[in-house]
Amino acid sequence: MSIGRVTQRMLTEGSLSNLQQGLGRLAKVQEQLSTGRVINRPSDNPTGTTAAMRLRSSMADQAQYTRNAQDGIGWLTQIDTALDSTTSTVRRARDLALQGANAAAAGPVSREALAIEVDGLRQSLLSQANTTYLDSPVFGGVTAGSVAYDATGTYVGTVGDVNRRIASGVQVKVDSNGPDVFGDGATSAFAELEALSTALRAGDQAGISASINTLNARLDTITSARTAAGARFQRIEQADLTASDAGMSLENQLSMIENADLAATTVDLKLQEVAYQASLAATSRVMQPSLLDFLR
């Protein structure tokens, strides 16, 4: 059995190769410790990189759902505030109608005072119907305009649902249709208050009584709209919480794949440093070529 001849060059190249591999392992651990990540390039862990990319895509989706939910909450909060004020306005108008009905013998001055207050309530109601969120009227549907109703109480919005996607395949309406709440034209709440004002000035008891019934029905309509908006608010709020929790869970999963265990990596770095230093020392002792070795 013959043994191949081992030359100084073979020893040198082998030792340098081993030292280079040890230095590479040391550099890799140093990079992990300095960046805090075990995956710094796709070649470090192709499978982990693929999983991380999928997790990041899912995280982006959940973050968008959260933003959509927050926007929807803003819309519905404005709607609830507006409908609360609207309820108070219509209730006050009904109270004035009751006063007018009970003051059959009241003089024109008293009735005029009641009518003037009703006129002021109509203007307040018109302002509430034109409530906006981020410059969009919350009762205006999908209109590009800045108001839902003009000064005459005519609906100038565009009927349509403003939706927000709060989960995969799930959309929720975040506006309220103005005509469903305030009506439109001759059947609007504004026309109802105008009719009450006219009846008060004229001392028309039949007209005042009709206005009381009409305003009671309007209050029921507003209450129903507010209840529906509240139900959607709770749904979106829950979706926001779900998306936030899902985002945190995905972030933890991504951390387990990408982030380095600093304690373990520090220990590994020390081991690699010791191994590399030992390799250098051993190589320097074994490889002490003489001039004769180079001449062979």
C-alpha atoms as a PDB file:
ATOM      1  CA  MET A   1       0.000   0.000   0.000  1.00  0.00           C
ATOM      2  CA  SER A   2       1.501   3.250  -1.091  1.00  0.00           C
ATOM      3  CA  ILE A   3       1.042   6.551   0.645  1.00  0.00           C
ATOM      4  CA  GLY A   4       0.871   9.689  -1.454  1.00  0.00           C
ATOM      5  CA  ARG A   5       3.561  12.242  -0.984  1.00  0.00           C
ATOM      6  CA  VAL A   6       2.525  15.170   1.203  1.00  0.00           C
ATOM      7  CA  THR A   7       4.178  18.370   0.172  1.00  0.00           C
ATOM      8  CA  GLN A   8       4.593  21.646   1.985  1.00  0.00           C
ATOM      9  CA  ARG A   9       2.268  23.256  -0.497  1.00  0.00           C
ATOM     10  CA  MET A  10      -0.462  20.724   0.280  1.00  0.00           C
ATOM     11  CA  LEU A  11      -0.090  21.375   3.981  1.00  0.00           C
ATOM     12  CA  THR A  12      -0.184  25.106   3.454  1.00  0.00           C
ATOM     13  CA  GLU A  13      -3.249  25.044   1.219  1.00  0.00           C
ATOM     14  CA  GLY A  14      -5.109  22.645   3.526  1.00  0.00           C
ATOM     15  CA  SER A  15      -4.323  24.706   6.588  1.00  0.00           C
ATOM     16  CA  LEU A  16      -5.313  27.946   4.904  1.00  0.00           C
ATOM     17  CA  SER A  17      -8.581  26.366   3.733  1.00  0.00           C
ATOM     18  CA  ASN A  18      -9.423  25.196   7.230  1.00  0.00           C
ATOM     19  CA  LEU A  19      -8.500  28.553   8.700  1.00  0.00           C
ATOM     20  CA  GLN A  20     -10.652  30.299   6.111  1.00  0.00           C
ATOM     21  CA  GLN A  21     -13.632  28.115   6.973  1.00  0.00           C
ATOM     22  CA  GLY A  22     -13.184  28.845  10.667  1.00  0.00           C
ATOM     23  CA  LEU A  23     -12.884  32.555   9.929  1.00  0.00           C
ATOM     24  CA  GLY A  24     -16.069  32.351   7.852  1.00  0.00           C
ATOM     25  CA  ARG A  25     -17.962  30.728  10.713  1.00  0.00           C
ATOM     26  CA  LEU A  26     -16.653  33.393  13.082  1.00  0.00           C
ATOM     27  CA  ALA A  27     -17.662  36.191  10.709  1.00  0.00           C
ATOM     28  CA  LYS A  28     -21.152  34.714  10.315  1.00  0.00           C
ATOM     29  CA  VAL A  29     -21.719  34.581  14.066  1.00  0.00           C
ATOM     30  CA  GLN A  30     -20.337  38.109  14.456  1.00  0.00           C
ATOM     31  CA  GLU A  31     -22.784  39.336  11.810  1.00  0.00           C
ATOM     32  CA  GLN A  32     -25.690  37.610  13.565  1.00  0.00           C
ATOM     33  CA  LEU A  33     -24.725  39.193  16.856  1.00  0.00           C
ATOM     34  CA  SER A  34     -24.281  42.670  15.384  1.00  0.00           C
ATOM     35  CA  THR A  35     -27.552  42.612  13.405  1.00  0.00           C
ATOM     36  CA  GLY A  36     -29.550  40.582  15.888  1.00  0.00           C
ATOM     37  CA  ARG A  37     -30.792  38.379  13.052  1.00  0.00           C
ATOM     38  CA  VAL A  38     -29.982  34.840  12.037  1.00  0.00           C
ATOM     39  CA  ILE A  39     -31.195  35.501   8.476  1.00  0.00           C
ATOM     40  CA  ASN A  40     -29.340  38.389   6.888  1.00  0.00           C
ATOM     41  CA  ARG A  41     -29.634  37.183   3.298  1.00  0.00           C
ATOM     42  CA  PRO A  42     -31.791  34.554   1.587  1.00  0.00           C
ATOM     43  CA  SER A  43     -28.888  32.126   1.273  1.00  0.00           C
ATOM     44  CA  ASP A  44     -28.594  31.947   5.073  1.00  0.00           C
ATOM     45  CA  ASN A  45     -31.855  29.996   5.274  1.00  0.00           C
ATOM     46  CA  PRO A  46     -33.941  29.704   2.073  1.00  0.00           C
ATOM     47  CA  THR A  47     -36.815  27.936   3.834  1.00  0.00           C
ATOM     48  CA  GLY A  48     -36.859  30.466   6.651  1.00  0.00           C
ATOM     49  CA  THR A  49     -36.677  33.323   4.150  1.00  0.00           C
ATOM     50  CA  THR A  50     -39.759  32.012   2.327  1.00  0.00           C
ATOM     51  CA  ALA A  51     -41.664  31.674   5.597  1.00  0.00           C
ATOM     52  CA  ALA A  52     -40.578  35.174   6.655  1.00  0.00           C
ATOM     53  CA  MET A  53     -41.779  36.665   3.363  1.00  0.00           C
ATOM     54  CA  ARG A  54     -45.188  35.060   3.818  1.00  0.00           C
ATOM     55  CA  LEU A  55     -45.398  36.306   7.390  1.00  0.00           C
ATOM     56  CA  ARG A  56     -44.486  39.834   6.327  1.00  0.00           C
ATOM     57  CA  SER A  57     -47.206  39.755   3.673  1.00  0.00           C
ATOM     58  CA  SER A  58     -49.753  38.632   6.266  1.00  0.00           C
ATOM     59  CA  MET A  59     -48.540  41.317   8.670  1.00  0.00           C
ATOM     60  CA  ALA A  60     -49.030  43.972   5.981  1.00  0.00           C
ATOM     61  CA  ASP A  61     -52.592  42.730   5.437  1.00  0.00           C
ATOM     62  CA  GLN A  62     -53.394  42.882   9.141  1.00  0.00           C
ATOM     63  CA  ALA A  63     -51.876  46.358   9.425  1.00  0.00           C
ATOM     64  CA  GLN A  64     -54.098  47.534   6.552  1.00  0.00           C
ATOM     65  CA  TYR A  65     -57.157  45.987   8.199  1.00  0.00           C
ATOM     66  CA  THR A  66     -56.285  47.878  11.379  1.00  0.00           C
ATOM     67  CA  ARG A  67     -55.990  51.162   9.477  1.00  0.00           C
ATOM     68  CA  ASN A  68     -59.303  50.502   7.738  1.00  0.00           C
ATOM     69  CA  ALA A  69     -60.979  49.704  11.050  1.00  0.00           C
ATOM     70  CA  GLN A  70     -59.616  52.860  12.651  1.00  0.00           C
ATOM     71  CA  ASP A  71     -60.939  54.910   9.746  1.00  0.00           C
ATOM     72  CA  GLY A  72     -64.330  53.225  10.055  1.00  0.00           C
ATOM     73  CA  ILE A  73     -64.390  53.932  13.783  1.00  0.00           C
ATOM     74  CA  GLY A  74     -63.750  57.591  12.999  1.00  0.00           C
ATOM     75  CA  TRP A  75     -66.694  57.686  10.576  1.00  0.00           C
ATOM     76  CA  LEU A  76     -69.084  55.952  12.941  1.00  0.00           C
ATOM     77  CA  THR A  77     -68.004  58.049  15.908  1.00  0.00           C
ATOM     78  CA  GLN A  78     -68.885  61.187  13.959  1.00  0.00           C
ATOM     79  CA  ILE A  79     -72.210  59.665  12.959  1.00  0.00           C
ATOM     80  CA  ASP A  80     -73.066  58.751  16.547  1.00  0.00           C
ATOM     81  CA  THR A  81     -72.190  62.256  17.752  1.00  0.00           C
ATOM     82  CA  ALA A  82     -74.275  63.834  14.976  1.00  0.00           C
ATOM     83  CA  LEU A  83     -77.258  61.575  15.636  1.00  0.00           C
ATOM     84  CA  ASP A  84     -77.056  62.309  19.347  1.00  0.00           C
ATOM     85  CA  SER A  85     -77.296  66.020  18.598  1.00  0.00           C
ATOM     86  CA  THR A  86     -80.019  65.356  16.042  1.00  0.00           C
ATOM     87  CA  THR A  87     -82.066  63.464  18.619  1.00  0.00           C
ATOM     88  CA  SER A  88     -81.810  66.384  21.024  1.00  0.00           C
ATOM     89  CA  THR A  89     -82.772  68.852  18.288  1.00  0.00           C
ATOM     90  CA  VAL A  90     -85.837  66.931  17.126  1.00  0.00           C
ATOM     91  CA  ARG A  91     -86.902  66.246  20.712  1.00  0.00           C
ATOM     92  CA  ARG A  92     -86.698  69.969  21.484  1.00  0.00           C
ATOM     93  CA  ALA A  93     -88.781  70.736  18.402  1.00  0.00           C
ATOM     94  CA  ARG A  94     -91.411  68.258  19.559  1.00  0.00           C
ATOM     95  CA  ASP A  95     -91.437  69.886  23.004  1.00  0.00           C
ATOM     96  CA  LEU A  96     -92.024  73.258  21.348  1.00  0.00           C
ATOM     97  CA  ALA A  97     -94.876  71.748  19.338  1.00  0.00           C
ATOM     98  CA  LEU A  98     -96.409  70.449  22.571  1.00  0.00           C
ATOM     99  CA  GLN A  99     -96.098  73.917  24.085  1.00  0.00           C
ATOM    100  CA  GLY A 100     -97.801  75.391  21.048  1.00  0.00           C
ATOM    101  CA  ALA A 101    -100.596  72.812  21.234  1.00  0.00           C
ATOM    102  CA  ASN A 102    -101.158  73.482  24.909  1.00  0.00           C
ATOM    103  CA  ALA A 103    -101.157  77.254  24.444  1.00  0.00           C
ATOM    104  CA  ALA A 104    -104.328  77.511  22.397  1.00  0.00           C
ATOM    105  CA  ALA A 105    -105.103  80.865  23.898  1.00  0.00           C
ATOM    106  CA  ALA A 106    -101.533  82.143  23.549  1.00  0.00           C
ATOM    107  CA  GLY A 107    -101.124  85.358  21.665  1.00  0.00           C
ATOM    108  CA  PRO A 108     -99.226  85.784  18.391  1.00  0.00           C
ATOM    109  CA  VAL A 109     -96.137  87.065  20.224  1.00  0.00           C
ATOM    110  CA  SER A 110     -95.767  83.818  22.170  1.00  0.00           C
ATOM    111  CA  ARG A 111     -96.377  81.721  19.069  1.00  0.00           C
ATOM    112  CA  GLU A 112     -93.862  83.781  17.126  1.00  0.00           C
ATOM    113  CA  ALA A 113     -91.223  83.137  19.791  1.00  0.00           C
ATOM    114  CA  LEU A 114     -91.835  79.399  19.517  1.00  0.00           C
ATOM    115  CA  ALA A 115     -91.668  79.578  15.719  1.00  0.00           C
ATOM    116  CA  ILE A 116     -88.390  81.507  15.807  1.00  0.00           C
ATOM    117  CA  GLU A 117     -86.831  78.826  18.001  1.00  0.00           C
ATOM    118  CA  VAL A 118     -88.090  76.126  15.627  1.00  0.00           C
ATOM    119  CA  ASP A 119     -86.444  77.998  12.738  1.00  0.00           C
ATOM    120  CA  GLY A 120     -83.180  77.986  14.672  1.00  0.00           C
ATOM    121  CA  LEU A 121     -83.549  74.248  15.322  1.00  0.00           C
ATOM    122  CA  ARG A 122     -83.995  73.702  11.583  1.00  0.00           C
ATOM    123  CA  GLN A 123     -80.668  75.407  10.908  1.00  0.00           C
ATOM    124  CA  SER A 124     -78.999  73.315  13.604  1.00  0.00           C
ATOM    125  CA  LEU A 125     -80.473  70.157  12.128  1.00  0.00           C
ATOM    126  CA  LEU A 126     -79.186  71.126   8.681  1.00  0.00           C
ATOM    127  CA  SER A 127     -75.691  71.574  10.134  1.00  0.00           C
ATOM    128  CA  GLN A 128     -75.885  68.166  11.807  1.00  0.00           C
ATOM    129  CA  ALA A 129     -76.996  66.543   8.561  1.00  0.00           C
ATOM    130  CA  ASN A 130     -73.870  67.987   6.909  1.00  0.00           C
ATOM    131  CA  THR A 131     -71.472  66.585   9.529  1.00  0.00           C
ATOM    132  CA  THR A 132     -68.175  65.598   7.925  1.00  0.00           C
ATOM    133  CA  TYR A 133     -65.278  63.289   8.656  1.00  0.00           C
ATOM    134  CA  LEU A 134     -62.022  64.151   6.904  1.00  0.00           C
ATOM    135  CA  ASP A 135     -63.979  66.614   4.728  1.00  0.00           C
ATOM    136  CA  SER A 136     -66.454  63.943   3.607  1.00  0.00           C
ATOM    137  CA  PRO A 137     -70.127  64.272   4.640  1.00  0.00           C
ATOM    138  CA  VAL A 138     -70.978  61.191   6.682  1.00  0.00           C
ATOM    139  CA  PHE A 139     -74.607  61.299   5.482  1.00  0.00           C
ATOM    140  CA  GLY A 140     -73.716  62.105   1.870  1.00  0.00           C
ATOM    141  CA  GLY A 141     -73.077  58.596   0.586  1.00  0.00           C
ATOM    142  CA  VAL A 142     -70.316  58.435  -2.007  1.00  0.00           C
ATOM    143  CA  THR A 143     -70.593  62.081  -3.035  1.00  0.00           C
ATOM    144  CA  ALA A 144     -67.464  64.001  -3.926  1.00  0.00           C
ATOM    145  CA  GLY A 145     -69.075  67.170  -2.602  1.00  0.00           C
ATOM    146  CA  SER A 146     -68.671  68.718   0.821  1.00  0.00           C
ATOM    147  CA  VAL A 147     -72.332  68.673   1.922  1.00  0.00           C
ATOM    148  CA  ALA A 148     -75.164  66.170   1.994  1.00  0.00           C
ATOM    149  CA  TYR A 149     -78.004  68.738   2.030  1.00  0.00           C
ATOM    150  CA  ASP A 150     -78.304  72.209   0.565  1.00  0.00           C
ATOM    151  CA  ALA A 151     -79.877  75.182   2.337  1.00  0.00           C
ATOM    152  CA  THR A 152     -83.380  74.188   1.194  1.00  0.00           C
ATOM    153  CA  GLY A 153     -83.070  70.756   2.809  1.00  0.00           C
ATOM    154  CA  THR A 154     -82.723  68.951  -0.511  1.00  0.00           C
ATOM    155  CA  TYR A 155     -80.400  65.951  -0.581  1.00  0.00           C
ATOM    156  CA  VAL A 156     -77.444  66.685  -2.854  1.00  0.00           C
ATOM    157  CA  GLY A 157     -75.337  63.693  -1.891  1.00  0.00           C
ATOM    158  CA  THR A 158     -74.880  60.515  -3.915  1.00  0.00           C
ATOM    159  CA  VAL A 159     -76.636  57.473  -2.509  1.00  0.00           C
ATOM    160  CA  GLY A 160     -74.154  54.633  -2.028  1.00  0.00           C
ATOM    161  CA  ASP A 161     -72.396  52.729   0.701  1.00  0.00           C
ATOM    162  CA  VAL A 162     -69.003  53.782   2.034  1.00  0.00           C
ATOM    163  CA  ASN A 163     -67.389  50.467   3.004  1.00  0.00           C
ATOM    164  CA  ARG A 164     -64.185  49.499   4.754  1.00  0.00           C
ATOM    165  CA  ARG A 165     -62.538  46.083   4.458  1.00  0.00           C
ATOM    166  CA  ILE A 166     -61.790  44.965   8.025  1.00  0.00           C
ATOM    167  CA  ALA A 167     -60.820  41.330   7.363  1.00  0.00           C
ATOM    168  CA  SER A 168     -60.315  38.974   4.476  1.00  0.00           C
ATOM    169  CA  GLY A 169     -63.555  39.060   2.497  1.00  0.00           C
ATOM    170  CA  VAL A 170     -65.325  41.196   5.124  1.00  0.00           C
ATOM    171  CA  GLN A 171     -66.539  44.729   4.427  1.00  0.00           C
ATOM    172  CA  VAL A 172     -68.587  46.939   6.734  1.00  0.00           C
ATOM    173  CA  LYS A 173     -70.610  50.029   5.877  1.00  0.00           C
ATOM    174  CA  VAL A 174     -69.249  53.035   7.785  1.00  0.00           C
ATOM    175  CA  ASP A 175     -71.665  55.780   6.694  1.00  0.00           C
ATOM    176  CA  SER A 176     -75.395  56.399   7.100  1.00  0.00           C
ATOM    177  CA  ASN A 177     -77.682  57.254   4.219  1.00  0.00           C
ATOM    178  CA  GLY A 178     -78.955  60.785   4.680  1.00  0.00           C
ATOM    179  CA  PRO A 179     -82.419  60.180   3.176  1.00  0.00           C
ATOM    180  CA  ASP A 180     -82.946  57.225   5.544  1.00  0.00           C
ATOM    181  CA  VAL A 181     -82.277  59.481   8.559  1.00  0.00           C
ATOM    182  CA  PHE A 182     -83.380  62.979   7.572  1.00  0.00           C
ATOM    183  CA  GLY A 183     -85.562  62.261   4.558  1.00  0.00           C
ATOM    184  CA  ASP A 184     -85.488  64.357   1.397  1.00  0.00           C
ATOM    185  CA  GLY A 185     -87.471  67.224  -0.071  1.00  0.00           C
ATOM    186  CA  ALA A 186     -91.070  67.570   1.090  1.00  0.00           C
ATOM    187  CA  THR A 187     -90.776  64.564   3.402  1.00  0.00           C
ATOM    188  CA  SER A 188     -87.530  65.630   5.068  1.00  0.00           C
ATOM    189  CA  ALA A 189     -87.059  66.586   8.714  1.00  0.00           C
ATOM    190  CA  PHE A 190     -86.304  70.115   7.519  1.00  0.00           C
ATOM    191  CA  ALA A 191     -89.680  70.357   5.789  1.00  0.00           C
ATOM    192  CA  GLU A 192     -91.328  68.966   8.935  1.00  0.00           C
ATOM    193  CA  LEU A 193     -89.800  71.706  11.078  1.00  0.00           C
ATOM    194  CA  GLU A 194     -90.738  74.322   8.511  1.00  0.00           C
ATOM    195  CA  ALA A 195     -94.338  73.085   8.606  1.00  0.00           C
ATOM    196  CA  LEU A 196     -94.309  73.269  12.417  1.00  0.00           C
ATOM    197  CA  SER A 197     -93.013  76.825  12.303  1.00  0.00           C
ATOM    198  CA  THR A 198     -95.755  77.825   9.877  1.00  0.00           C
ATOM    199  CA  ALA A 199     -98.435  76.154  12.001  1.00  0.00           C
ATOM    200  CA  LEU A 200     -97.197  77.896  15.140  1.00  0.00           C
ATOM    201  CA  ARG A 201     -97.297  81.320  13.532  1.00  0.00           C
ATOM    202  CA  ALA A 202    -100.775  80.698  12.187  1.00  0.00           C
ATOM    203  CA  GLY A 203    -102.103  79.165  15.401  1.00  0.00           C
ATOM    204  CA  ASP A 204    -103.060  76.076  13.385  1.00  0.00           C
ATOM    205  CA  GLN A 205    -103.747  73.501  16.068  1.00  0.00           C
ATOM    206  CA  ALA A 206    -104.392  70.709  13.571  1.00  0.00           C
ATOM    207  CA  GLY A 207    -101.073  71.434  11.884  1.00  0.00           C
ATOM    208  CA  ILE A 208     -99.287  71.524  15.235  1.00  0.00           C
ATOM    209  CA  SER A 209    -100.808  68.186  16.261  1.00  0.00           C
ATOM    210  CA  ALA A 210     -99.768  66.662  12.930  1.00  0.00           C
ATOM    211  CA  SER A 211     -96.227  67.958  13.482  1.00  0.00           C
ATOM    212  CA  ILE A 212     -96.097  66.281  16.909  1.00  0.00           C
ATOM    213  CA  ASN A 213     -96.926  62.912  15.349  1.00  0.00           C
ATOM    214  CA  THR A 214     -94.472  63.496  12.513  1.00  0.00           C
ATOM    215  CA  LEU A 215     -91.643  64.425  14.880  1.00  0.00           C
ATOM    216  CA  ASN A 216     -92.311  61.371  17.057  1.00  0.00           C
ATOM    217  CA  ALA A 217     -91.955  59.199  13.958  1.00  0.00           C
ATOM    218  CA  ARG A 218     -88.764  61.073  13.044  1.00  0.00           C
ATOM    219  CA  LEU A 219     -87.320  60.358  16.492  1.00  0.00           C
ATOM    220  CA  ASP A 220     -87.989  56.645  15.978  1.00  0.00           C
ATOM    221  CA  THR A 221     -86.221  56.798  12.614  1.00  0.00           C
ATOM    222  CA  ILE A 222     -83.177  58.527  14.104  1.00  0.00           C
ATOM    223  CA  THR A 223     -83.043  56.045  16.992  1.00  0.00           C
ATOM    224  CA  SER A 224     -83.088  53.110  14.554  1.00  0.00           C
ATOM    225  CA  ALA A 225     -80.291  54.667  12.501  1.00  0.00           C
ATOM    226  CA  ARG A 226     -78.218  55.271  15.613  1.00  0.00           C
ATOM    227  CA  THR A 227     -78.747  51.698  16.788  1.00  0.00           C
ATOM    228  CA  ALA A 228     -77.633  50.329  13.415  1.00  0.00           C
ATOM    229  CA  ALA A 229     -74.554  52.549  13.426  1.00  0.00           C
ATOM    230  CA  GLY A 230     -73.736  51.442  16.969  1.00  0.00           C
ATOM    231  CA  ALA A 231     -73.918  47.775  15.988  1.00  0.00           C
ATOM    232  CA  ARG A 232     -71.518  48.391  13.104  1.00  0.00           C
ATOM    233  CA  PHE A 233     -69.227  50.353  15.417  1.00  0.00           C
ATOM    234  CA  GLN A 234     -68.968  47.379  17.781  1.00  0.00           C
ATOM    235  CA  ARG A 235     -68.288  45.031  14.891  1.00  0.00           C
ATOM    236  CA  ILE A 236     -65.485  47.197  13.536  1.00  0.00           C
ATOM    237  CA  GLU A 237     -64.042  47.735  17.012  1.00  0.00           C
ATOM    238  CA  GLN A 238     -63.870  43.969  17.520  1.00  0.00           C
ATOM    239  CA  ALA A 239     -62.298  43.548  14.087  1.00  0.00           C
ATOM    240  CA  ASP A 240     -59.695  46.172  14.988  1.00  0.00           C
ATOM    241  CA  LEU A 241     -58.796  44.231  18.135  1.00  0.00           C
ATOM    242  CA  THR A 242     -58.659  40.958  16.199  1.00  0.00           C
ATOM    243  CA  ALA A 243     -56.383  42.444  13.525  1.00  0.00           C
ATOM    244  CA  SER A 244     -54.082  43.917  16.179  1.00  0.00           C
ATOM    245  CA  ASP A 245     -53.826  40.573  17.988  1.00  0.00           C
ATOM    246  CA  ALA A 246     -53.185  38.751  14.716  1.00  0.00           C
ATOM    247  CA  GLY A 247     -50.464  41.250  13.826  1.00  0.00           C
ATOM    248  CA  MET A 248     -48.731  40.709  17.168  1.00  0.00           C
ATOM    249  CA  SER A 249     -48.919  36.932  16.760  1.00  0.00           C
ATOM    250  CA  LEU A 250     -47.413  37.127  13.273  1.00  0.00           C
ATOM    251  CA  GLU A 251     -44.695  39.447  14.538  1.00  0.00           C
ATOM    252  CA  ASN A 252     -43.767  36.925  17.233  1.00  0.00           C
ATOM    253  CA  GLN A 253     -43.606  34.143  14.646  1.00  0.00           C
ATOM    254  CA  LEU A 254     -41.381  36.279  12.437  1.00  0.00           C
ATOM    255  CA  SER A 255     -39.130  37.044  15.382  1.00  0.00           C
ATOM    256  CA  MET A 256     -38.691  33.329  16.087  1.00  0.00           C
ATOM    257  CA  ILE A 257     -37.581  32.772  12.488  1.00  0.00           C
ATOM    258  CA  GLU A 258     -35.386  35.816  11.893  1.00  0.00           C
ATOM    259  CA  ASN A 259     -34.113  37.093  15.229  1.00  0.00           C
ATOM    260  CA  ALA A 260     -31.059  35.684  16.907  1.00  0.00           C
ATOM    261  CA  ASP A 261     -30.970  34.397  20.474  1.00  0.00           C
ATOM    262  CA  LEU A 262     -28.449  36.897  21.809  1.00  0.00           C
ATOM    263  CA  ALA A 263     -27.353  34.746  24.728  1.00  0.00           C
ATOM    264  CA  ALA A 264     -26.821  31.644  22.596  1.00  0.00           C
ATOM    265  CA  THR A 265     -25.192  33.670  19.814  1.00  0.00           C
ATOM    266  CA  THR A 266     -22.782  35.287  22.278  1.00  0.00           C
ATOM    267  CA  VAL A 267     -21.740  31.858  23.565  1.00  0.00           C
ATOM    268  CA  ASP A 268     -21.358  30.607  19.995  1.00  0.00           C
ATOM    269  CA  LEU A 269     -19.196  33.633  19.164  1.00  0.00           C
ATOM    270  CA  LYS A 270     -16.860  32.848  22.065  1.00  0.00           C
ATOM    271  CA  LEU A 271     -16.627  29.224  20.957  1.00  0.00           C
ATOM    272  CA  GLN A 272     -15.818  30.222  17.389  1.00  0.00           C
ATOM    273  CA  GLU A 273     -13.212  32.708  18.607  1.00  0.00           C
ATOM    274  CA  VAL A 274     -11.544  30.034  20.768  1.00  0.00           C
ATOM    275  CA  ALA A 275     -11.650  27.520  17.928  1.00  0.00           C
ATOM    276  CA  TYR A 276     -10.151  29.994  15.470  1.00  0.00           C
ATOM    277  CA  GLN A 277      -7.429  31.092  17.849  1.00  0.00           C
ATOM    278  CA  ALA A 278      -6.602  27.427  18.546  1.00  0.00           C
ATOM    279  CA  SER A 279      -6.438  26.734  14.814  1.00  0.00           C
ATOM    280  CA  LEU A 280      -4.066  29.638  14.313  1.00  0.00           C
ATOM    281  CA  ALA A 281      -1.848  28.501  17.159  1.00  0.00           C
ATOM    282  CA  ALA A 282      -1.777  24.879  16.003  1.00  0.00           C
ATOM    283  CA  THR A 283      -1.053  25.839  12.419  1.00  0.00           C
ATOM    284  CA  SER A 284       1.780  28.149  13.431  1.00  0.00           C
ATOM    285  CA  ARG A 285       3.424  25.397  15.464  1.00  0.00           C
ATOM    286  CA  VAL A 286       3.049  22.635  12.908  1.00  0.00           C
ATOM    287  CA  MET A 287       3.858  24.646   9.821  1.00  0.00           C
ATOM    288  CA  GLN A 288       7.379  25.991  10.268  1.00  0.00           C
ATOM    289  CA  PRO A 289       8.833  25.424   6.816  1.00  0.00           C
ATOM    290  CA  SER A 290      12.541  25.696   6.221  1.00  0.00           C
ATOM    291  CA  LEU A 291      14.313  26.731   3.056  1.00  0.00           C
ATOM    292  CA  LEU A 292      14.778  23.084   2.273  1.00  0.00           C
ATOM    293  CA  ASP A 293      11.008  22.511   2.327  1.00  0.00           C
ATOM    294  CA  PHE A 294      10.527  25.133  -0.342  1.00  0.00           C
ATOM    295  CA  LEU A 295      13.326  23.652  -2.481  1.00  0.00           C
ATOM    296  CA  ARG A 296      11.795  20.197  -2.597  1.00  0.00           C
END
